[in-house]
């Protein structure tokens, strides 16, 4: 088996091996979104279940356990994640009933629900295969809704023997403090710009530097965004942000109303961060190709209006997935931004 970790994860992998002689019952891997945390913990899960693990801690890729893991049917492994992720990734063996519910759902849930945590009970109460570990991978942990968080907490408070939980989070401040206190935290690093750029170029991504900067240096997020087909929509939005005006805002809202709203709000948030950064420090992080427009905006917008715009964008991000009217949502957002820039 080849080492399937990303180049920027090699040091973290070596540090992780120090925990193996005395494994905690739960490890919470945390770091920025889009750096490969889910791939890292699944790689670790396979290595923990491997029957002939290599000296460097990686799974052998050849034993029966590795075969089951790759096929997605290892008897001692469970993966818990929102239904929305199941459309894009292999099945994780949560059972036929769960799959049927997911298939009937018009909009796959972005939450991890209490039923998914309760479904682990039978798994944890039966003997392990070949007297090995049970491994539960759960991500992203902030997707746990309140009932699911409480159910997981009960399990972590009285962990079943021989069971290891591997959790991943993009945002520790969105987790219950009690869950944080019952997990060993392990930080996964953001790659350097050079590492991330080299990897993106190896994936054949054109204009990799711009994609990477727009995603804050997160290479997997940059690659996913480049493949989403939303470049034209993003460019339309950026033109309005660079040259704000009432007529331009209304035209853009009409054209963009059928586009996913969360990425558009995220683009606005990054744009406002660049205006803020330019105003206070004279630097740009996300959109260096628009430095001239950002500099002009930073020079004329009052700091109080800028802070209000940032707060409003953050509030919009929380409701962007469920707007009453996408067109009105965009009109209000862009008109408010235009007003802030006057």
Protein backbone atom coordinates (compact mmCIF):
# COMPACT_ATOMS: atom_id res chain seq x y z
CA UNK A 1 0.00 0.00 0.00
CA UNK A 2 1.33 3.45 -0.88
CA UNK A 3 1.31 6.31 1.57
CA UNK A 4 -1.94 8.09 0.71
CA UNK A 5 -1.51 11.02 3.08
CA UNK A 6 -1.22 14.52 1.69
CA UNK A 7 2.32 15.96 1.65
CA UNK A 8 1.57 18.44 4.44
CA UNK A 9 0.37 15.66 6.78
CA UNK A 10 3.60 13.69 7.06
CA UNK A 11 4.87 15.35 10.25
CA UNK A 12 1.45 15.09 11.91
CA UNK A 13 1.37 11.37 11.09
CA UNK A 14 4.72 10.81 12.76
CA UNK A 15 3.58 12.72 15.85
CA UNK A 16 0.39 10.65 15.98
CA UNK A 17 2.34 7.41 16.21
CA UNK A 18 3.54 8.45 19.66
CA UNK A 19 -0.02 7.97 20.95
CA UNK A 20 -0.37 4.39 19.77
CA UNK A 21 1.23 2.63 22.76
CA UNK A 22 -1.39 4.20 25.07
CA UNK A 23 -4.36 5.18 22.97
CA UNK A 24 -7.04 7.42 24.51
CA UNK A 25 -10.65 6.36 24.00
CA UNK A 26 -11.37 9.41 21.82
CA UNK A 27 -9.20 11.69 19.67
CA UNK A 28 -10.51 14.95 18.25
CA UNK A 29 -8.59 16.06 15.16
CA UNK A 30 -9.07 19.74 14.44
CA UNK A 31 -7.93 22.27 11.89
CA UNK A 32 -9.10 24.44 9.01
CA UNK A 33 -11.75 23.17 6.63
CA UNK A 34 -10.44 21.81 3.35
CA UNK A 35 -7.05 20.47 4.46
CA UNK A 36 -7.87 16.76 4.41
CA UNK A 37 -8.79 15.92 8.01
CA UNK A 38 -11.43 13.32 7.06
CA UNK A 39 -8.98 11.50 4.78
CA UNK A 40 -6.35 11.60 7.53
CA UNK A 41 -8.55 10.03 10.21
CA UNK A 42 -9.88 7.35 7.86
CA UNK A 43 -6.30 6.52 6.92
CA UNK A 44 -5.53 6.22 10.64
CA UNK A 45 -8.63 4.08 11.22
CA UNK A 46 -7.48 1.61 8.57
CA UNK A 47 -4.03 1.48 10.14
CA UNK A 48 -5.52 0.79 13.59
CA UNK A 49 -7.52 -2.13 12.21
CA UNK A 50 -4.72 -3.50 10.02
CA UNK A 51 -3.45 -6.98 10.98
CA UNK A 52 0.06 -6.37 9.67
CA UNK A 53 0.71 -2.67 10.24
CA UNK A 54 3.95 -1.30 8.81
CA UNK A 55 6.78 0.03 10.96
CA UNK A 56 5.89 3.61 9.96
CA UNK A 57 2.35 3.12 11.26
CA UNK A 58 0.62 2.85 7.89
CA UNK A 59 -1.72 -0.02 7.04
CA UNK A 60 -0.22 -2.83 4.98
CA UNK A 61 -2.99 -2.72 2.39
CA UNK A 62 -2.75 -6.47 1.83
CA UNK A 63 -4.32 -8.21 4.85
CA UNK A 64 -7.96 -9.30 5.10
CA UNK A 65 -8.76 -6.35 7.39
CA UNK A 66 -7.44 -3.83 4.85
CA UNK A 67 -9.46 -5.54 2.15
CA UNK A 68 -12.67 -5.21 4.16
CA UNK A 69 -11.89 -1.61 5.01
CA UNK A 70 -11.31 -0.58 1.40
CA UNK A 71 -14.54 -2.31 0.38
CA UNK A 72 -16.42 -0.44 3.11
CA UNK A 73 -17.59 -3.48 5.05
CA UNK A 74 -15.13 -3.94 7.93
CA UNK A 75 -17.12 -5.46 10.84
CA UNK A 76 -15.26 -3.39 13.46
CA UNK A 77 -15.53 -0.01 11.74
CA UNK A 78 -18.32 2.55 11.57
CA UNK A 79 -18.36 5.96 9.94
CA UNK A 80 -20.84 8.60 11.09
CA UNK A 81 -21.44 11.73 9.04
CA UNK A 82 -24.36 13.79 7.69
CA UNK A 83 -26.60 12.32 5.00
CA UNK A 84 -25.55 15.17 2.71
CA UNK A 85 -22.04 13.71 2.55
CA UNK A 86 -23.28 10.22 1.75
CA UNK A 87 -24.26 11.29 -1.76
CA UNK A 88 -20.63 11.98 -2.61
CA UNK A 89 -18.80 9.29 -0.69
CA UNK A 90 -18.89 5.49 -0.41
CA UNK A 91 -21.50 3.78 1.75
CA UNK A 92 -20.42 3.33 5.34
CA UNK A 93 -22.53 0.38 6.43
CA UNK A 94 -25.05 2.28 8.57
CA UNK A 95 -27.75 -0.22 7.65
CA UNK A 96 -30.61 -0.58 5.20
CA UNK A 97 -33.13 1.35 7.30
CA UNK A 98 -30.89 4.41 7.45
CA UNK A 99 -30.22 4.18 3.73
CA UNK A 100 -33.94 4.00 2.95
CA UNK A 101 -34.66 7.05 5.09
CA UNK A 102 -31.88 8.94 3.33
CA UNK A 103 -33.21 7.93 -0.09
CA UNK A 104 -36.71 9.15 0.77
CA UNK A 105 -35.46 12.49 2.04
CA UNK A 106 -35.89 15.26 -0.52
CA UNK A 107 -33.00 17.23 0.90
CA UNK A 108 -30.25 15.19 2.61
CA UNK A 109 -29.64 16.43 6.13
CA UNK A 110 -26.48 18.34 6.91
CA UNK A 111 -26.78 17.34 10.58
CA UNK A 112 -25.60 14.24 12.38
CA UNK A 113 -28.77 13.04 14.08
CA UNK A 114 -29.41 11.21 17.33
CA UNK A 115 -30.55 8.09 15.44
CA UNK A 116 -27.08 7.78 13.93
CA UNK A 117 -25.50 7.84 17.40
CA UNK A 118 -28.05 5.40 18.80
CA UNK A 119 -27.38 3.03 15.89
CA UNK A 120 -23.86 2.58 17.27
CA UNK A 121 -25.20 0.82 20.39
CA UNK A 122 -25.51 -2.64 18.82
CA UNK A 123 -22.14 -2.24 17.13
CA UNK A 124 -20.45 -1.47 20.46
CA UNK A 125 -22.18 -4.25 22.38
CA UNK A 126 -21.05 -7.18 20.28
CA UNK A 127 -17.66 -8.87 20.30
CA UNK A 128 -15.03 -7.51 17.98
CA UNK A 129 -13.82 -9.50 15.01
CA UNK A 130 -10.60 -11.37 15.85
CA UNK A 131 -10.50 -9.67 19.27
CA UNK A 132 -9.27 -6.37 17.84
CA UNK A 133 -10.34 -2.73 18.20
CA UNK A 134 -13.64 -1.16 17.28
CA UNK A 135 -13.15 2.17 15.52
CA UNK A 136 -15.81 4.85 15.07
CA UNK A 137 -15.01 7.78 12.78
CA UNK A 138 -17.25 10.85 13.05
CA UNK A 139 -17.03 14.04 11.04
CA UNK A 140 -17.57 16.91 11.02
CA UNK A 141 -18.24 16.93 14.75
CA UNK A 142 -19.88 20.36 14.61
CA UNK A 143 -22.62 18.79 12.47
CA UNK A 144 -23.91 16.98 15.57
CA UNK A 145 -27.28 18.46 16.47
CA UNK A 146 -28.07 18.99 20.16
CA UNK A 147 -29.73 15.60 20.85
CA UNK A 148 -26.93 13.79 18.99
CA UNK A 149 -24.27 15.74 20.92
CA UNK A 150 -25.85 14.73 24.22
CA UNK A 151 -26.12 11.10 23.15
CA UNK A 152 -22.47 11.04 22.07
CA UNK A 153 -21.45 12.67 25.34
CA UNK A 154 -23.04 9.83 27.32
CA UNK A 155 -21.04 7.33 25.29
CA UNK A 156 -17.80 9.25 25.79
CA UNK A 157 -18.44 9.51 29.51
CA UNK A 158 -18.67 5.70 29.76
CA UNK A 159 -16.69 4.47 26.76
CA UNK A 160 -17.16 0.82 25.89
CA UNK A 161 -13.98 -1.25 26.20
CA UNK A 162 -11.92 -1.77 23.07
CA UNK A 163 -13.60 1.10 21.22
CA UNK A 164 -11.82 4.15 19.83
CA UNK A 165 -13.58 7.28 18.59
CA UNK A 166 -11.87 9.43 15.95
CA UNK A 167 -13.61 12.77 15.52
CA UNK A 168 -12.81 15.63 13.18
CA UNK A 169 -13.80 19.27 13.55
CA UNK A 170 -13.37 22.44 11.54
CA UNK A 171 -14.44 24.62 14.47
CA UNK A 172 -13.86 23.63 18.09
CA UNK A 173 -15.91 26.54 19.41
CA UNK A 174 -19.05 24.95 17.96
CA UNK A 175 -18.70 21.80 20.09
CA UNK A 176 -19.96 21.20 23.61
CA UNK A 177 -17.22 21.92 26.16
CA UNK A 178 -18.05 18.60 27.80
CA UNK A 179 -17.30 16.75 24.55
CA UNK A 180 -14.03 18.66 24.18
CA UNK A 181 -13.02 17.71 27.71
CA UNK A 182 -13.48 14.00 27.00
CA UNK A 183 -11.35 13.88 23.86
CA UNK A 184 -7.62 14.06 23.32
CA UNK A 185 -7.21 17.00 20.92
CA UNK A 186 -4.82 16.67 17.99
CA UNK A 187 -4.19 19.64 15.69
CA UNK A 188 -3.73 19.08 11.97
CA UNK A 189 -1.73 21.82 10.25
CA UNK A 190 -2.60 24.11 7.39
CA UNK A 191 -0.13 23.46 4.54
CA UNK A 192 2.27 26.17 3.52
CA UNK A 193 1.25 28.11 0.43
CA UNK A 194 4.06 26.44 -1.52
CA UNK A 195 3.02 22.92 -0.48
CA UNK A 196 -0.63 23.53 -1.28
CA UNK A 197 0.16 25.19 -4.60
CA UNK A 198 2.45 22.36 -5.68
CA UNK A 199 -0.22 19.79 -4.84
CA UNK A 200 -2.94 21.68 -6.73
CA UNK A 201 -0.72 21.96 -9.79
CA UNK A 202 -0.08 18.21 -9.59
CA UNK A 203 -3.87 17.77 -9.81
CA UNK A 204 -3.85 19.72 -13.08
CA UNK A 205 -5.65 22.77 -11.72
CA UNK A 206 -5.29 25.89 -13.86
CA UNK A 207 -4.90 29.24 -12.10
CA UNK A 208 -4.15 27.31 -8.93
CA UNK A 209 -2.79 30.32 -7.06
CA UNK A 210 -6.03 32.30 -7.39
CA UNK A 211 -8.19 29.34 -6.37
CA UNK A 212 -5.96 28.67 -3.36
CA UNK A 213 -5.94 32.26 -2.15
CA UNK A 214 -9.71 32.56 -2.51
CA UNK A 215 -10.12 29.54 -0.23
CA UNK A 216 -7.76 30.89 2.41
CA UNK A 217 -4.94 28.46 1.61
CA UNK A 218 -7.01 25.26 1.97
CA UNK A 219 -6.06 23.08 -1.02
CA UNK A 220 -8.93 20.58 -0.95
CA UNK A 221 -11.44 23.41 -0.65
CA UNK A 222 -9.76 25.13 -3.60
CA UNK A 223 -9.93 21.98 -5.72
CA UNK A 224 -13.55 21.31 -4.79
CA UNK A 225 -14.55 24.88 -5.59
CA UNK A 226 -12.80 24.73 -8.95
CA UNK A 227 -14.77 21.58 -9.81
CA UNK A 228 -18.12 22.96 -8.66
CA UNK A 229 -18.67 24.94 -11.85
CA UNK A 230 -19.46 28.13 -9.97
CA UNK A 231 -16.63 30.30 -11.27
CA UNK A 232 -18.84 32.44 -13.49
CA UNK A 233 -21.23 33.15 -10.61
CA UNK A 234 -18.36 34.07 -8.29
CA UNK A 235 -16.95 36.47 -10.88
CA UNK A 236 -20.34 38.14 -11.28
CA UNK A 237 -20.53 38.66 -7.54
CA UNK A 238 -16.99 40.02 -7.32
CA UNK A 239 -17.73 42.57 -10.01
CA UNK A 240 -20.60 43.95 -7.92
CA UNK A 241 -18.45 43.94 -4.78
CA UNK A 242 -15.63 45.73 -6.59
CA UNK A 243 -17.96 48.32 -8.17
CA UNK A 244 -21.00 48.58 -5.87
CA UNK A 245 -24.19 50.16 -7.16
CA UNK A 246 -27.94 49.71 -6.83
CA UNK A 247 -28.60 48.73 -10.45
CA UNK A 248 -25.63 46.34 -10.51
CA UNK A 249 -26.81 44.74 -7.26
CA UNK A 250 -30.32 44.14 -8.59
CA UNK A 251 -29.06 42.72 -11.88
CA UNK A 252 -26.66 40.39 -10.06
CA UNK A 253 -29.38 39.19 -7.68
CA UNK A 254 -31.58 38.30 -10.66
CA UNK A 255 -28.79 36.40 -12.41
CA UNK A 256 -27.51 34.60 -9.30
CA UNK A 257 -30.81 33.60 -7.67
CA UNK A 258 -30.53 29.98 -8.86
CA UNK A 259 -26.94 29.59 -7.63
CA UNK A 260 -26.07 28.01 -4.24
CA UNK A 261 -26.13 30.86 -1.76
CA UNK A 262 -23.63 29.67 0.86
CA UNK A 263 -20.58 30.01 -1.47
CA UNK A 264 -21.74 33.49 -2.48
CA UNK A 265 -22.08 34.62 1.14
CA UNK A 266 -18.67 33.08 1.87
CA UNK A 267 -17.20 35.11 -0.99
CA UNK A 268 -18.69 38.25 0.49
CA UNK A 269 -17.22 37.40 3.89
CA UNK A 270 -13.77 36.93 2.39
CA UNK A 271 -14.11 40.17 0.42
CA UNK A 272 -15.03 42.13 3.54
CA UNK A 273 -12.10 40.56 5.38
CA UNK A 274 -9.81 41.84 2.63
CA UNK A 275 -11.31 45.33 2.88
CA UNK A 276 -10.77 45.23 6.64
CA UNK A 277 -7.21 43.95 6.25
CA UNK A 278 -6.43 46.58 3.64
CA UNK A 279 -7.83 49.35 5.82
CA UNK A 280 -5.87 48.35 8.92
CA UNK A 281 -2.71 46.77 7.56
CA UNK A 282 -2.55 47.48 3.84
CA UNK A 283 -2.56 43.76 2.97
CA UNK A 284 -4.87 41.47 0.97
CA UNK A 285 -5.32 37.76 1.62
CA UNK A 286 -8.06 36.36 -0.59
CA UNK A 287 -8.36 38.55 -3.67
CA UNK A 288 -4.97 40.08 -4.55
CA UNK A 289 -6.05 40.48 -8.19
CA UNK A 290 -8.60 43.03 -6.93
CA UNK A 291 -6.13 44.93 -4.79
CA UNK A 292 -6.81 48.26 -6.51
CA UNK A 293 -10.58 48.06 -5.93
CA UNK A 294 -10.10 46.86 -2.35
CA UNK A 295 -7.76 49.72 -1.66
CA UNK A 296 -10.29 52.23 -2.99
CA UNK A 297 -13.10 50.76 -0.89
CA UNK A 298 -10.95 50.64 2.24
CA UNK A 299 -10.12 54.30 1.77
CA UNK A 300 -13.72 55.49 1.75
CA UNK A 301 -15.70 53.09 3.97
CA UNK A 302 -16.01 54.06 7.63
CA UNK A 303 -14.78 51.44 10.07
CA UNK A 304 -18.13 51.31 11.89
CA UNK A 305 -19.96 50.59 8.62
CA UNK A 306 -17.39 47.98 7.70
CA UNK A 307 -17.79 46.18 11.03
CA UNK A 308 -21.58 46.27 10.64
CA UNK A 309 -21.26 44.78 7.14
CA UNK A 310 -19.02 41.99 8.44
CA UNK A 311 -21.51 41.20 11.21
CA UNK A 312 -24.41 41.16 8.75
CA UNK A 313 -22.54 38.80 6.41
CA UNK A 314 -21.81 36.42 9.28
CA UNK A 315 -25.50 36.38 10.21
CA UNK A 316 -26.50 35.74 6.61
CA UNK A 317 -24.16 32.77 6.40
CA UNK A 318 -26.17 31.04 9.12
CA UNK A 319 -29.42 31.18 7.09
CA UNK A 320 -28.04 30.96 3.55
CA UNK A 321 -29.06 27.31 3.13
CA UNK A 322 -32.73 28.01 3.92
CA UNK A 323 -33.76 31.40 2.50
CA UNK A 324 -37.44 32.19 2.00
CA UNK A 325 -36.62 33.70 -1.39
CA UNK A 326 -33.14 33.41 -2.92
CA UNK A 327 -33.64 36.51 -5.07
CA UNK A 328 -34.79 38.67 -2.17
CA UNK A 329 -31.99 37.27 -0.02
CA UNK A 330 -29.39 38.33 -2.60
CA UNK A 331 -31.02 41.70 -3.25
CA UNK A 332 -31.03 42.53 0.45
CA UNK A 333 -27.45 41.34 0.88
CA UNK A 334 -26.04 43.28 -2.08
CA UNK A 335 -28.06 46.43 -1.47
CA UNK A 336 -26.96 46.47 2.16
CA UNK A 337 -23.35 46.06 1.04
CA UNK A 338 -23.77 48.85 -1.52
CA UNK A 339 -25.21 51.14 1.16
CA UNK A 340 -22.26 50.39 3.45
CA UNK A 341 -19.82 51.45 0.72
CA UNK A 342 -21.42 54.88 0.09
